[in-house]
C-alpha atoms as a PDB file:
ATOM      1  CA  MET A   1     233.294 -96.474 -91.591  1.00  0.00           C
ATOM      2  CA  VAL A   2     236.666 -96.782 -93.311  1.00  0.00           C
ATOM      3  CA  ASP A   3     236.890 -95.247 -96.765  1.00  0.00           C
ATOM      4  CA  ASP A   4     239.106 -97.369 -99.018  1.00  0.00           C
ATOM      5  CA  VAL A   5     240.677 -94.300-100.591  1.00  0.00           C
ATOM      6  CA  GLU A   6     241.894 -92.875 -97.272  1.00  0.00           C
ATOM      7  CA  LYS A   7     244.357 -95.725 -96.599  1.00  0.00           C
ATOM      8  CA  ARG A   8     244.016 -95.407 -92.831  1.00  0.00           C
ATOM      9  CA  TRP A   9     244.240 -99.099 -92.110  1.00  0.00           C
ATOM     10  CA  HIS A  10     246.027 -99.091 -88.790  1.00  0.00           C
ATOM     11  CA  ASP A  11     244.565-101.705 -86.450  1.00  0.00           C
ATOM     12  CA  PRO A  12     247.145-103.433 -84.233  1.00  0.00           C
ATOM     13  CA  GLY A  13     244.608-105.890 -82.796  1.00  0.00           C
ATOM     14  CA  MET A  14     243.462-107.040 -86.219  1.00  0.00           C
ATOM     15  CA  PHE A  15     247.065-107.307 -87.396  1.00  0.00           C
ATOM     16  CA  ARG A  16     247.929-109.445 -84.371  1.00  0.00           C
ATOM     17  CA  ARG A  17     244.989-111.786 -85.039  1.00  0.00           C
ATOM     18  CA  ALA A  18     245.910-112.138 -88.717  1.00  0.00           C
ATOM     19  CA  VAL A  19     249.564-112.861 -87.918  1.00  0.00           C
ATOM     20  CA  LEU A  20     248.657-115.408 -85.249  1.00  0.00           C
ATOM     21  CA  TYR A  21     246.240-117.090 -87.665  1.00  0.00           C
ATOM     22  CA  THR A  22     248.883-117.249 -90.411  1.00  0.00           C
ATOM     23  CA  VAL A  23     251.557-118.586 -88.078  1.00  0.00           C
ATOM     24  CA  GLY A  24     249.066-121.111 -86.713  1.00  0.00           C
ATOM     25  CA  VAL A  25     248.247-122.399 -90.189  1.00  0.00           C
ATOM     26  CA  VAL A  26     251.938-122.750 -91.053  1.00  0.00           C
ATOM     27  CA  VAL A  27     252.661-124.563 -87.764  1.00  0.00           C
ATOM     28  CA  VAL A  28     249.761-126.985 -88.270  1.00  0.00           C
ATOM     29  CA  ALA A  29     250.935-127.682 -91.833  1.00  0.00           C
ATOM     30  CA  ALA A  30     254.452-128.353 -90.526  1.00  0.00           C
ATOM     31  CA  LEU A  31     253.097-130.716 -87.862  1.00  0.00           C
ATOM     32  CA  VAL A  32     251.068-132.568 -90.488  1.00  0.00           C
ATOM     33  CA  LEU A  33     254.227-132.846 -92.589  1.00  0.00           C
ATOM     34  CA  VAL A  34     256.171-134.308 -89.652  1.00  0.00           C
ATOM     35  CA  VAL A  35     253.418-136.814 -88.870  1.00  0.00           C
ATOM     36  CA  ILE A  36     253.161-137.932 -92.488  1.00  0.00           C
ATOM     37  CA  GLN A  37     256.941-138.126 -92.794  1.00  0.00           C
ATOM     38  CA  THR A  38     257.072-140.331 -89.688  1.00  0.00           C
ATOM     39  CA  TRP A  39     254.283-142.521 -91.032  1.00  0.00           C
ATOM     40  CA  ALA A  40     255.974-142.855 -94.430  1.00  0.00           C
ATOM     41  CA  THR A  41     259.314-143.919 -92.950  1.00  0.00           C
ATOM     42  CA  ARG A  42     257.805-146.578 -90.684  1.00  0.00           C
ATOM     43  CA  ARG A  43     255.638-148.374 -93.222  1.00  0.00           C
ATOM     44  CA  GLU A  44     256.360-152.070 -93.754  1.00  0.00           C
ATOM     45  CA  ALA A  45     255.807-151.716 -97.488  1.00  0.00           C
ATOM     46  CA  CYS A  46     258.686-149.252 -97.645  1.00  0.00           C
ATOM     47  CA  ALA A  47     261.078-151.015 -95.243  1.00  0.00           C
ATOM     48  CA  ALA A  48     263.770-151.784 -97.809  1.00  0.00           C
ATOM     49  CA  ALA A  49     263.080-148.981-100.258  1.00  0.00           C
ATOM     50  CA  ALA A  50     263.140-145.207-100.147  1.00  0.00           C
ATOM     51  CA  THR A  51     260.834-143.174 -97.929  1.00  0.00           C
ATOM     52  CA  TYR A  52     258.397-142.394-100.715  1.00  0.00           C
ATOM     53  CA  CYS A  53     258.213-145.857-102.220  1.00  0.00           C
ATOM     54  CA  ASP A  54     254.597-145.865-103.372  1.00  0.00           C
ATOM     55  CA  THR A  55     251.859-143.544-104.556  1.00  0.00           C
ATOM     56  CA  ALA A  56     250.106-143.414-101.166  1.00  0.00           C
ATOM     57  CA  SER A  57     253.123-142.009 -99.342  1.00  0.00           C
ATOM     58  CA  ARG A  58     253.895-139.592-102.181  1.00  0.00           C
ATOM     59  CA  ALA A  59     250.334-138.304-102.303  1.00  0.00           C
ATOM     60  CA  ALA A  60     250.178-137.965 -98.522  1.00  0.00           C
ATOM     61  CA  ILE A  61     253.418-136.001 -98.253  1.00  0.00           C
ATOM     62  CA  VAL A  62     252.224-133.514-100.858  1.00  0.00           C
ATOM     63  CA  GLY A  63     248.485-133.554-100.187  1.00  0.00           C
ATOM     64  CA  GLY A  64     248.371-133.402 -96.383  1.00  0.00           C
ATOM     65  CA  PRO A  65     250.216-130.159 -95.720  1.00  0.00           C
ATOM     66  CA  GLY A  66     248.988-128.775 -99.054  1.00  0.00           C
ATOM     67  CA  LEU A  67     245.397-129.298 -97.942  1.00  0.00           C
ATOM     68  CA  VAL A  68     246.050-127.618 -94.591  1.00  0.00           C
ATOM     69  CA  LEU A  69     247.640-124.636 -96.316  1.00  0.00           C
ATOM     70  CA  MET A  70     244.808-124.375 -98.847  1.00  0.00           C
ATOM     71  CA  LEU A  71     242.139-124.511 -96.133  1.00  0.00           C
ATOM     72  CA  GLY A  72     244.084-121.855 -94.222  1.00  0.00           C
ATOM     73  CA  THR A  73     244.171-119.698 -97.342  1.00  0.00           C
ATOM     74  CA  LEU A  74     240.431-120.032 -97.820  1.00  0.00           C
ATOM     75  CA  GLY A  75     239.898-119.226 -94.147  1.00  0.00           C
ATOM     76  CA  ALA A  76     241.961-116.055 -94.442  1.00  0.00           C
ATOM     77  CA  PHE A  77     240.017-114.896 -97.480  1.00  0.00           C
ATOM     78  CA  LEU A  78     236.754-115.730 -95.708  1.00  0.00           C
ATOM     79  CA  ALA A  79     237.935-113.617 -92.770  1.00  0.00           C
ATOM     80  CA  THR A  80     238.745-110.848 -95.266  1.00  0.00           C
ATOM     81  CA  TYR A  81     235.175-110.886 -96.530  1.00  0.00           C
ATOM     82  CA  ARG A  82     233.728-111.024 -93.021  1.00  0.00           C
ATOM     83  CA  VAL A  83     235.842-108.072 -91.825  1.00  0.00           C
ATOM     84  CA  TRP A  84     235.074-106.114 -95.012  1.00  0.00           C
ATOM     85  CA  ARG A  85     231.334-106.548 -94.398  1.00  0.00           C
ATOM     86  CA  GLU A  86     231.818-105.153 -90.897  1.00  0.00           C
ATOM     87  CA  HIS A  87     233.527-102.070 -92.440  1.00  0.00           C
ATOM     88  CA  ARG A  88     236.771-102.747 -90.611  1.00  0.00           C
ATOM     89  CA  THR A  89     240.408-103.006 -91.739  1.00  0.00           C
ATOM     90  CA  TRP A  90     240.137-105.861 -94.212  1.00  0.00           C
ATOM     91  CA  PRO A  91     243.456-105.414 -96.130  1.00  0.00           C
ATOM     92  CA  ILE A  92     245.328-107.005 -93.223  1.00  0.00           C
ATOM     93  CA  TRP A  93     243.451-110.259 -93.723  1.00  0.00           C
ATOM     94  CA  GLN A  94     243.758-110.014 -97.474  1.00  0.00           C
ATOM     95  CA  GLY A  95     247.530-109.820 -97.072  1.00  0.00           C
ATOM     96  CA  ALA A  96     247.456-112.917 -94.865  1.00  0.00           C
ATOM     97  CA  GLY A  97     245.398-114.729 -97.496  1.00  0.00           C
ATOM     98  CA  TRP A  98     247.765-113.824-100.319  1.00  0.00           C
ATOM     99  CA  PHE A  99     250.788-114.844 -98.244  1.00  0.00           C
ATOM    100  CA  LEU A 100     249.217-118.232 -97.510  1.00  0.00           C
ATOM    101  CA  LEU A 101     248.235-118.678-101.153  1.00  0.00           C
ATOM    102  CA  VAL A 102     251.801-118.039-102.337  1.00  0.00           C
ATOM    103  CA  LEU A 103     253.114-120.415 -99.669  1.00  0.00           C
ATOM    104  CA  THR A 104     250.592-123.076-100.720  1.00  0.00           C
ATOM    105  CA  LEU A 105     251.468-122.833-104.394  1.00  0.00           C
ATOM    106  CA  ALA A 106     255.200-122.877-103.645  1.00  0.00           C
ATOM    107  CA  TYR A 107     254.827-125.975-101.447  1.00  0.00           C
ATOM    108  CA  LEU A 108     252.737-127.787-104.038  1.00  0.00           C
ATOM    109  CA  ALA A 109     255.129-126.852-106.860  1.00  0.00           C
ATOM    110  CA  ILE A 110     258.205-127.962-104.964  1.00  0.00           C
ATOM    111  CA  GLY A 111     256.446-130.993-103.477  1.00  0.00           C
ATOM    112  CA  SER A 112     255.283-132.214-106.856  1.00  0.00           C
ATOM    113  CA  SER A 113     258.907-133.202-107.563  1.00  0.00           C
ATOM    114  CA  VAL A 114     258.248-136.169-105.254  1.00  0.00           C
ATOM    115  CA  PHE A 115     256.159-137.696-108.033  1.00  0.00           C
ATOM    116  CA  ALA A 116     259.035-137.475-110.492  1.00  0.00           C
ATOM    117  CA  GLY A 117     261.145-140.001-108.585  1.00  0.00           C
END
């Protein structure tokens, strides 16, 4: 059992899984962004106007990748709890969860400027 005070949290396999999970979530969010961007530029309703000409395209461009990032964040924190219950090196997953949470909030904050225009 790992004592939290000892700070011996060296587990290369767990670190690798957490990094691959985090990179996977970011890649899926980027793919969702590309798909939504392609959909928004090819809509007939927006043929003569800007890319984000209506509320549906604006909500999709912010909500799609934002939802993927938020679900990834929740998954990382769920993995943190699961690994903690197994008495393994949980801080690695907690770090992945916090990284994804910061990324999610930054994306949503910057993406909300789409609604201003």
